[in-house]
C-alpha atoms as a PDB file:
ATOM      1  CA  MET A   1      19.799 -29.930 -47.894  1.00  0.00           C
ATOM      2  CA  LYS A   2      17.435 -31.983 -46.020  1.00  0.00           C
ATOM      3  CA  ALA A   3      18.417 -30.234 -42.654  1.00  0.00           C
ATOM      4  CA  SER A   4      17.876 -26.273 -44.379  1.00  0.00           C
ATOM      5  CA  ARG A   5      14.002 -28.046 -45.740  1.00  0.00           C
ATOM      6  CA  ILE A   6      12.981 -29.323 -41.790  1.00  0.00           C
ATOM      7  CA  ALA A   7      14.328 -25.365 -40.719  1.00  0.00           C
ATOM      8  CA  THR A   8      12.331 -23.717 -43.131  1.00  0.00           C
ATOM      9  CA  ARG A   9       9.080 -25.737 -42.013  1.00  0.00           C
ATOM     10  CA  VAL A  10       9.771 -25.428 -38.785  1.00  0.00           C
ATOM     11  CA  THR A  11      10.084 -21.469 -39.200  1.00  0.00           C
ATOM     12  CA  ALA A  12       6.855 -21.559 -40.809  1.00  0.00           C
ATOM     13  CA  ALA A  13       4.822 -23.800 -38.253  1.00  0.00           C
ATOM     14  CA  ALA A  14       6.347 -21.596 -35.521  1.00  0.00           C
ATOM     15  CA  ALA A  15       5.402 -18.322 -37.886  1.00  0.00           C
ATOM     16  CA  VAL A  16       1.791 -19.984 -38.158  1.00  0.00           C
ATOM     17  CA  ALA A  17       1.463 -20.796 -34.650  1.00  0.00           C
ATOM     18  CA  GLY A  18       2.015 -16.950 -33.551  1.00  0.00           C
ATOM     19  CA  CYS A  19       0.177 -15.949 -36.035  1.00  0.00           C
ATOM     20  CA  ALA A  20      -2.696 -18.447 -34.292  1.00  0.00           C
ATOM     21  CA  VAL A  21      -2.298 -16.656 -30.821  1.00  0.00           C
ATOM     22  CA  LEU A  22      -2.284 -13.231 -32.172  1.00  0.00           C
ATOM     23  CA  VAL A  23      -6.322 -14.097 -33.289  1.00  0.00           C
ATOM     24  CA  LEU A  24      -6.942 -16.059 -30.703  1.00  0.00           C
ATOM     25  CA  SER A  25      -6.038 -13.333 -28.112  1.00  0.00           C
ATOM     26  CA  GLY A  26      -6.708 -10.209 -30.127  1.00  0.00           C
ATOM     27  CA  PRO A  27     -10.369 -10.377 -28.976  1.00  0.00           C
ATOM     28  CA  ALA A  28     -10.089 -11.110 -25.824  1.00  0.00           C
ATOM     29  CA  PHE A  29      -7.988  -7.789 -25.586  1.00  0.00           C
ATOM     30  CA  ALA A  30     -10.369  -5.691 -26.993  1.00  0.00           C
ATOM     31  CA  HIS A  31     -12.827  -5.937 -24.649  1.00  0.00           C
ATOM     32  CA  VAL A  32     -14.722  -3.768 -22.526  1.00  0.00           C
ATOM     33  CA  SER A  33     -13.359  -4.026 -19.442  1.00  0.00           C
ATOM     34  CA  VAL A  34     -13.377  -3.350 -15.672  1.00  0.00           C
ATOM     35  CA  ALA A  35     -10.271  -2.997 -13.219  1.00  0.00           C
ATOM     36  CA  ALA A  36      -9.548  -1.310  -9.617  1.00  0.00           C
ATOM     37  CA  GLU A  37      -7.077   1.252  -9.116  1.00  0.00           C
ATOM     38  CA  GLY A  38      -4.896  -0.349  -6.386  1.00  0.00           C
ATOM     39  CA  SER A  39      -7.343  -2.792  -4.258  1.00  0.00           C
ATOM     40  CA  ALA A  40     -11.564  -3.431  -4.419  1.00  0.00           C
ATOM     41  CA  ALA A  41     -11.690  -4.475  -0.911  1.00  0.00           C
ATOM     42  CA  LYS A  42     -15.234  -5.522   0.946  1.00  0.00           C
ATOM     43  CA  GLY A  43     -16.404  -2.620   2.526  1.00  0.00           C
ATOM     44  CA  GLY A  44     -14.105  -0.368   1.466  1.00  0.00           C
ATOM     45  CA  TYR A  45     -13.939   2.254  -1.245  1.00  0.00           C
ATOM     46  CA  ALA A  46     -11.998   1.592  -4.656  1.00  0.00           C
ATOM     47  CA  VAL A  47     -11.723   3.829  -7.657  1.00  0.00           C
ATOM     48  CA  VAL A  48     -12.313   1.795 -10.958  1.00  0.00           C
ATOM     49  CA  ASP A  49     -11.299   2.316 -14.727  1.00  0.00           C
ATOM     50  CA  PHE A  50     -13.813   0.965 -17.391  1.00  0.00           C
ATOM     51  CA  LYS A  51     -11.283   0.555 -20.074  1.00  0.00           C
ATOM     52  CA  VAL A  52     -12.860   0.899 -23.458  1.00  0.00           C
ATOM     53  CA  PRO A  53     -10.559  -0.335 -26.400  1.00  0.00           C
ATOM     54  CA  ASN A  54     -12.034   0.915 -30.328  1.00  0.00           C
ATOM     55  CA  GLU A  55     -12.638  -2.297 -32.231  1.00  0.00           C
ATOM     56  CA  ARG A  56     -13.349  -1.179 -35.367  1.00  0.00           C
ATOM     57  CA  ASP A  57     -11.395   0.338 -38.333  1.00  0.00           C
ATOM     58  CA  ASN A  58     -14.246   2.793 -39.786  1.00  0.00           C
ATOM     59  CA  ALA A  59     -15.658   3.759 -36.652  1.00  0.00           C
ATOM     60  CA  SER A  60     -15.243   5.751 -33.376  1.00  0.00           C
ATOM     61  CA  THR A  61     -16.404   4.854 -30.021  1.00  0.00           C
ATOM     62  CA  THR A  62     -18.899   7.813 -29.353  1.00  0.00           C
ATOM     63  CA  LYS A  63     -20.874   6.007 -26.829  1.00  0.00           C
ATOM     64  CA  LEU A  64     -20.597   3.662 -23.039  1.00  0.00           C
ATOM     65  CA  GLU A  65     -23.629   2.890 -20.694  1.00  0.00           C
ATOM     66  CA  VAL A  66     -22.305   0.792 -17.719  1.00  0.00           C
ATOM     67  CA  ALA A  67     -25.339  -0.969 -15.560  1.00  0.00           C
ATOM     68  CA  PHE A  68     -24.328  -1.044 -12.149  1.00  0.00           C
ATOM     69  CA  PRO A  69     -25.112  -4.091 -10.217  1.00  0.00           C
ATOM     70  CA  ALA A  70     -28.866  -4.284  -9.033  1.00  0.00           C
ATOM     71  CA  ASP A  71     -28.425  -7.352  -6.715  1.00  0.00           C
ATOM     72  CA  HIS A  72     -25.664  -5.741  -5.301  1.00  0.00           C
ATOM     73  CA  PRO A  73     -26.497  -1.987  -5.230  1.00  0.00           C
ATOM     74  CA  LEU A  74     -23.440   0.614  -4.894  1.00  0.00           C
ATOM     75  CA  THR A  75     -24.666   3.808  -2.850  1.00  0.00           C
ATOM     76  CA  SER A  76     -21.891   5.678  -4.361  1.00  0.00           C
ATOM     77  CA  ALA A  77     -20.672   6.439  -7.957  1.00  0.00           C
ATOM     78  CA  MET A  78     -18.763   9.566  -9.037  1.00  0.00           C
ATOM     79  CA  PRO A  79     -17.324   9.844 -11.950  1.00  0.00           C
ATOM     80  CA  GLU A  80     -14.163  11.191 -12.931  1.00  0.00           C
ATOM     81  CA  PRO A  81     -14.348  14.506 -15.516  1.00  0.00           C
ATOM     82  CA  ILE A  82     -13.297  13.813 -19.155  1.00  0.00           C
ATOM     83  CA  ASN A  83     -12.695  16.084 -21.487  1.00  0.00           C
ATOM     84  CA  GLY A  84     -14.689  15.909 -24.190  1.00  0.00           C
ATOM     85  CA  TRP A  85     -17.320  13.323 -22.629  1.00  0.00           C
ATOM     86  CA  LYS A  86     -20.748  14.515 -21.476  1.00  0.00           C
ATOM     87  CA  ILE A  87     -21.520  12.234 -17.543  1.00  0.00           C
ATOM     88  CA  ASP A  88     -24.838  11.394 -17.113  1.00  0.00           C
ATOM     89  CA  VAL A  89     -25.732   9.856 -13.486  1.00  0.00           C
ATOM     90  CA  THR A  90     -29.214   7.843 -13.246  1.00  0.00           C
ATOM     91  CA  LYS A  91     -29.981   6.408  -9.801  1.00  0.00           C
ATOM     92  CA  SER A  92     -33.033   4.068  -9.256  1.00  0.00           C
ATOM     93  CA  LYS A  93     -34.972   3.698  -5.936  1.00  0.00           C
ATOM     94  CA  LEU A  94     -34.171   0.238  -4.417  1.00  0.00           C
ATOM     95  CA  ALA A  95     -37.075  -2.129  -3.754  1.00  0.00           C
ATOM     96  CA  LYS A  96     -35.452  -3.041  -0.422  1.00  0.00           C
ATOM     97  CA  PRO A  97     -33.143  -0.298   2.030  1.00  0.00           C
ATOM     98  CA  ILE A  98     -30.253  -0.958   2.614  1.00  0.00           C
ATOM     99  CA  GLU A  99     -27.283   0.079   5.384  1.00  0.00           C
ATOM    100  CA  VAL A 100     -25.237   1.561   4.759  1.00  0.00           C
ATOM    101  CA  HIS A 101     -22.647   3.308   8.226  1.00  0.00           C
ATOM    102  CA  GLY A 102     -25.480   2.982  10.180  1.00  0.00           C
ATOM    103  CA  LYS A 103     -28.047   5.067   7.810  1.00  0.00           C
ATOM    104  CA  GLN A 104     -30.301   3.722   5.741  1.00  0.00           C
ATOM    105  CA  ILE A 105     -30.292   4.002   2.145  1.00  0.00           C
ATOM    106  CA  SER A 106     -33.408   4.478  -0.546  1.00  0.00           C
ATOM    107  CA  GLU A 107     -32.159   4.770  -3.467  1.00  0.00           C
ATOM    108  CA  ALA A 108     -28.776   3.687  -5.715  1.00  0.00           C
ATOM    109  CA  VAL A 109     -26.718   4.606  -9.127  1.00  0.00           C
ATOM    110  CA  SER A 110     -28.101   1.891 -11.430  1.00  0.00           C
ATOM    111  CA  LYS A 111     -26.716   3.375 -15.001  1.00  0.00           C
ATOM    112  CA  ILE A 112     -23.383   5.638 -15.851  1.00  0.00           C
ATOM    113  CA  THR A 113     -23.741   7.001 -19.720  1.00  0.00           C
ATOM    114  CA  TRP A 114     -20.572   8.445 -21.389  1.00  0.00           C
ATOM    115  CA  THR A 115     -21.400  10.734 -24.571  1.00  0.00           C
ATOM    116  CA  ALA A 116     -18.413  11.805 -26.727  1.00  0.00           C
ATOM    117  CA  THR A 117     -18.732  15.759 -27.060  1.00  0.00           C
ATOM    118  CA  GLY A 118     -16.046  15.503 -29.997  1.00  0.00           C
ATOM    119  CA  LYS A 119     -14.591  12.430 -32.053  1.00  0.00           C
ATOM    120  CA  GLY A 120     -14.645  10.306 -29.409  1.00  0.00           C
ATOM    121  CA  ILE A 121     -12.476   6.589 -29.217  1.00  0.00           C
ATOM    122  CA  GLU A 122     -10.838   6.638 -33.047  1.00  0.00           C
ATOM    123  CA  ALA A 123      -9.571   4.273 -34.266  1.00  0.00           C
ATOM    124  CA  GLY A 124      -6.597   1.971 -33.025  1.00  0.00           C
ATOM    125  CA  TYR A 125      -7.064   3.930 -29.180  1.00  0.00           C
ATOM    126  CA  PHE A 126      -8.565   3.063 -26.047  1.00  0.00           C
ATOM    127  CA  GLN A 127      -9.989   4.884 -23.419  1.00  0.00           C
ATOM    128  CA  LYS A 128     -10.175   4.805 -19.812  1.00  0.00           C
ATOM    129  CA  PHE A 129     -13.393   5.857 -18.025  1.00  0.00           C
ATOM    130  CA  PRO A 130     -12.628   6.669 -13.845  1.00  0.00           C
ATOM    131  CA  VAL A 131     -15.174   6.067 -11.202  1.00  0.00           C
ATOM    132  CA  SER A 132     -15.080   6.238  -7.499  1.00  0.00           C
ATOM    133  CA  VAL A 133     -17.259   3.951  -6.250  1.00  0.00           C
ATOM    134  CA  GLY A 134     -18.514   1.853  -3.106  1.00  0.00           C
ATOM    135  CA  ALA A 135     -19.129   1.312  -0.071  1.00  0.00           C
ATOM    136  CA  LEU A 136     -17.888  -2.186  -1.907  1.00  0.00           C
ATOM    137  CA  PRO A 137     -20.767  -4.947  -0.608  1.00  0.00           C
ATOM    138  CA  GLU A 138     -18.761  -8.325   1.799  1.00  0.00           C
ATOM    139  CA  ASP A 139     -21.060 -11.020   0.556  1.00  0.00           C
ATOM    140  CA  THR A 140     -19.711 -11.750  -2.738  1.00  0.00           C
ATOM    141  CA  ASP A 141     -16.442 -11.623  -4.228  1.00  0.00           C
ATOM    142  CA  GLU A 142     -17.834 -10.047  -7.355  1.00  0.00           C
ATOM    143  CA  LEU A 143     -19.404  -7.479  -9.181  1.00  0.00           C
ATOM    144  CA  VAL A 144     -20.820  -7.341 -12.769  1.00  0.00           C
ATOM    145  CA  PHE A 145     -21.138  -4.796 -15.017  1.00  0.00           C
ATOM    146  CA  LYS A 146     -23.089  -4.463 -18.199  1.00  0.00           C
ATOM    147  CA  ALA A 147     -21.776  -2.076 -21.136  1.00  0.00           C
ATOM    148  CA  ILE A 148     -23.427  -0.966 -23.608  1.00  0.00           C
ATOM    149  CA  GLN A 149     -20.891   0.593 -26.495  1.00  0.00           C
ATOM    150  CA  THR A 150     -22.173   2.114 -29.420  1.00  0.00           C
ATOM    151  CA  TYR A 151     -19.755   3.728 -32.810  1.00  0.00           C
ATOM    152  CA  SER A 152     -20.029   6.546 -35.042  1.00  0.00           C
ATOM    153  CA  ASN A 153     -21.642   3.825 -37.511  1.00  0.00           C
ATOM    154  CA  LYS A 154     -24.737   3.488 -34.779  1.00  0.00           C
ATOM    155  CA  GLU A 155     -23.227   0.028 -34.364  1.00  0.00           C
ATOM    156  CA  VAL A 156     -23.869  -1.273 -31.046  1.00  0.00           C
ATOM    157  CA  VAL A 157     -22.076  -3.922 -29.216  1.00  0.00           C
ATOM    158  CA  ARG A 158     -23.032  -5.360 -25.589  1.00  0.00           C
ATOM    159  CA  TRP A 159     -20.841  -6.321 -23.119  1.00  0.00           C
ATOM    160  CA  ILE A 160     -23.658  -7.979 -21.225  1.00  0.00           C
ATOM    161  CA  GLU A 161     -23.296 -11.801 -21.244  1.00  0.00           C
ATOM    162  CA  VAL A 162     -22.105 -13.614 -17.510  1.00  0.00           C
ATOM    163  CA  GLN A 163     -19.109 -15.710 -17.577  1.00  0.00           C
ATOM    164  CA  GLU A 164     -20.552 -19.586 -16.320  1.00  0.00           C
ATOM    165  CA  ASP A 165     -18.655 -21.954 -14.526  1.00  0.00           C
ATOM    166  CA  GLY A 166     -16.399 -24.400 -16.139  1.00  0.00           C
ATOM    167  CA  ALA A 167     -17.596 -22.287 -19.303  1.00  0.00           C
ATOM    168  CA  GLU A 168     -16.265 -21.358 -22.088  1.00  0.00           C
ATOM    169  CA  GLU A 169     -15.808 -17.527 -22.439  1.00  0.00           C
ATOM    170  CA  PRO A 170     -18.720 -15.912 -24.069  1.00  0.00           C
ATOM    171  CA  GLU A 171     -18.408 -13.564 -27.194  1.00  0.00           C
ATOM    172  CA  ASN A 172     -19.595 -10.433 -25.807  1.00  0.00           C
ATOM    173  CA  PRO A 173     -18.960 -10.690 -21.984  1.00  0.00           C
ATOM    174  CA  ALA A 174     -19.892  -8.390 -19.247  1.00  0.00           C
ATOM    175  CA  PRO A 175     -17.064  -6.293 -17.343  1.00  0.00           C
ATOM    176  CA  VAL A 176     -16.228  -8.038 -13.568  1.00  0.00           C
ATOM    177  CA  LEU A 177     -14.719  -6.144 -11.006  1.00  0.00           C
ATOM    178  CA  ALA A 178     -12.890  -8.983  -8.616  1.00  0.00           C
ATOM    179  CA  LEU A 179     -12.955  -8.221  -4.476  1.00  0.00           C
ATOM    180  CA  THR A 180     -10.299  -8.629  -2.248  1.00  0.00           C
ATOM    181  CA  ALA A 181     -11.197  -9.645   1.146  1.00  0.00           C
ATOM    182  CA  ALA A 182     -11.167  -6.284   3.790  1.00  0.00           C
ATOM    183  CA  SER A 183      -8.017  -5.149   6.389  1.00  0.00           C
ATOM    184  CA  GLU A 184      -7.825  -3.258   8.870  1.00  0.00           C
ATOM    185  CA  ASP A 185      -6.258  -0.504   6.475  1.00  0.00           C
ATOM    186  CA  ASP A 186      -8.585  -0.345   3.787  1.00  0.00           C
ATOM    187  CA  HIS A 187     -12.441   0.812   6.054  1.00  0.00           C
ATOM    188  CA  HIS A 188     -14.038   3.833   5.636  1.00  0.00           C
ATOM    189  CA  GLY A 189     -12.082   6.793   7.370  1.00  0.00           C
ATOM    190  CA  ALA A 190      -8.511   4.915   7.618  1.00  0.00           C
ATOM    191  CA  GLY A 191      -7.297   7.111   5.434  1.00  0.00           C
ATOM    192  CA  ALA A 192      -8.060  10.353   7.461  1.00  0.00           C
ATOM    193  CA  GLU A 193      -6.244   7.838  10.722  1.00  0.00           C
ATOM    194  CA  ASP A 194      -3.576   7.166   8.678  1.00  0.00           C
ATOM    195  CA  ALA A 195      -3.113  10.425   7.612  1.00  0.00           C
ATOM    196  CA  SER A 196      -3.338  11.807  11.571  1.00  0.00           C
ATOM    197  CA  ASP A 197      -0.405   9.084  12.204  1.00  0.00           C
ATOM    198  CA  LYS A 198       1.934  10.295   8.977  1.00  0.00           C
ATOM    199  CA  SER A 199       1.584  13.922  11.022  1.00  0.00           C
ATOM    200  CA  ASP A 200       2.215  12.449  14.661  1.00  0.00           C
ATOM    201  CA  ASP A 201       5.264  10.560  12.925  1.00  0.00           C
ATOM    202  CA  ALA A 202       6.667  13.952  11.242  1.00  0.00           C
ATOM    203  CA  LYS A 203       5.762  15.749  14.341  1.00  0.00           C
ATOM    204  CA  ALA A 204       8.444  13.385  15.461  1.00  0.00           C
ATOM    205  CA  THR A 205      10.639  13.135  13.442  1.00  0.00           C
ATOM    206  CA  ALA A 206      10.913  16.748  13.180  1.00  0.00           C
ATOM    207  CA  SER A 207      11.227  17.048  16.888  1.00  0.00           C
ATOM    208  CA  THR A 208      13.776  14.172  16.816  1.00  0.00           C
ATOM    209  CA  THR A 209      15.321  15.688  13.903  1.00  0.00           C
ATOM    210  CA  GLU A 210      15.879  19.250  16.041  1.00  0.00           C
ATOM    211  CA  ALA A 211      16.999  17.491  19.144  1.00  0.00           C
ATOM    212  CA  ALA A 212      19.878  16.083  17.091  1.00  0.00           C
ATOM    213  CA  SER A 213      20.888  19.288  15.366  1.00  0.00           C
ATOM    214  CA  ASP A 214      20.863  20.962  19.262  1.00  0.00           C
ATOM    215  CA  SER A 215      23.372  18.288  20.252  1.00  0.00           C
ATOM    216  CA  ASP A 216      25.260  18.186  17.114  1.00  0.00           C
ATOM    217  CA  GLY A 217      25.508  22.238  17.718  1.00  0.00           C
ATOM    218  CA  SER A 218      26.259  21.609  21.588  1.00  0.00           C
ATOM    219  CA  ASP A 219      29.384  19.044  20.427  1.00  0.00           C
ATOM    220  CA  THR A 220      30.743  21.199  17.482  1.00  0.00           C
ATOM    221  CA  THR A 221      30.804  24.351  20.209  1.00  0.00           C
ATOM    222  CA  ALA A 222      32.368  22.034  22.644  1.00  0.00           C
ATOM    223  CA  ARG A 223      35.048  20.651  20.437  1.00  0.00           C
ATOM    224  CA  VAL A 224      36.070  24.257  19.525  1.00  0.00           C
ATOM    225  CA  LEU A 225      35.735  25.787  23.022  1.00  0.00           C
ATOM    226  CA  GLY A 226      38.607  22.580  23.692  1.00  0.00           C
ATOM    227  CA  VAL A 227      40.630  22.912  20.837  1.00  0.00           C
ATOM    228  CA  VAL A 228      41.076  26.846  22.030  1.00  0.00           C
ATOM    229  CA  GLY A 229      41.900  25.825  25.427  1.00  0.00           C
ATOM    230  CA  ILE A 230      44.525  23.350  24.078  1.00  0.00           C
ATOM    231  CA  VAL A 231      45.974  25.872  21.919  1.00  0.00           C
ATOM    232  CA  VAL A 232      46.125  29.013  24.603  1.00  0.00           C
ATOM    233  CA  GLY A 233      47.565  26.369  27.335  1.00  0.00           C
ATOM    234  CA  ALA A 234      49.852  24.795  24.530  1.00  0.00           C
ATOM    235  CA  ALA A 235      50.385  29.221  23.825  1.00  0.00           C
ATOM    236  CA  GLY A 236      51.199  29.740  27.944  1.00  0.00           C
ATOM    237  CA  VAL A 237      53.786  27.526  27.924  1.00  0.00           C
ATOM    238  CA  ALA A 238      55.695  28.246  25.116  1.00  0.00           C
ATOM    239  CA  TYR A 239      55.834  31.910  26.619  1.00  0.00           C
ATOM    240  CA  GLY A 240      56.681  30.339  30.151  1.00  0.00           C
ATOM    241  CA  VAL A 241      59.752  28.546  28.297  1.00  0.00           C
ATOM    242  CA  LEU A 242      61.100  31.250  26.487  1.00  0.00           C
ATOM    243  CA  ALA A 243      60.508  33.975  29.761  1.00  0.00           C
ATOM    244  CA  GLY A 244      62.684  31.562  31.546  1.00  0.00           C
ATOM    245  CA  ARG A 245      65.370  30.963  28.753  1.00  0.00           C
ATOM    246  CA  ARG A 246      65.524  34.727  28.667  1.00  0.00           C
ATOM    247  CA  ARG A 247      65.578  35.176  32.485  1.00  0.00           C
ATOM    248  CA  THR A 248      68.505  32.295  32.815  1.00  0.00           C
ATOM    249  CA  THR A 249      70.524  34.900  30.536  1.00  0.00           C
ATOM    250  CA  THR A 250      70.228  37.772  31.989  1.00  0.00           C
ATOM    251  CA  GLU A 251      71.270  36.447  35.498  1.00  0.00           C
ATOM    252  CA  ALA A 252      74.313  34.486  33.060  1.00  0.00           C
END
């Protein structure tokens, strides 16, 4: 009886702990976030997804505004078209022009706004908003994108709080994109070089395959001719033996 009570208490405690984990992890999961599709290498280009979950049961998300970092301006930002959403890209003049790939750039993307033309993101769903961005800065390990989420009931949630080192996560943290170290494969234009290399490899493979095919064909022909020669030779020998026997019989 005592053991049964202890088991019951342990089960109840585990259930309470599980609920606590769910409650604590819920808000973190519901944050507006940003992540790269693959890697976001310094000095290169990347496709990033702004993930927006709908946190309300009685309203839809109908608008998302993402402010691009002013301290590390991005000169290129091309959003992917999404059915049911109108997209506006805002550019602003830079206080100080920057050089990108040998060119002086005097303006950069300051904000992208997605506005729903239909129901938007309904309760129980999330939406990804992909954007191709670059060139990524080389003098920082992360980029902070402040976002504003608007619901159909006019409620506005500002995801603009910056995480401080050593401090607890803020209630409405801003999306942060982590950057990785650059490599030779991440430089702009590497894709074209890779494509060229793959093309050369494909040609070499095709030539090797063709040569192997020709070689196989020659080997097969030689084998067939060899077999035919053996058969013909055997037939000749048999014919000679029979002819010899016939002559011997006749003479006898």
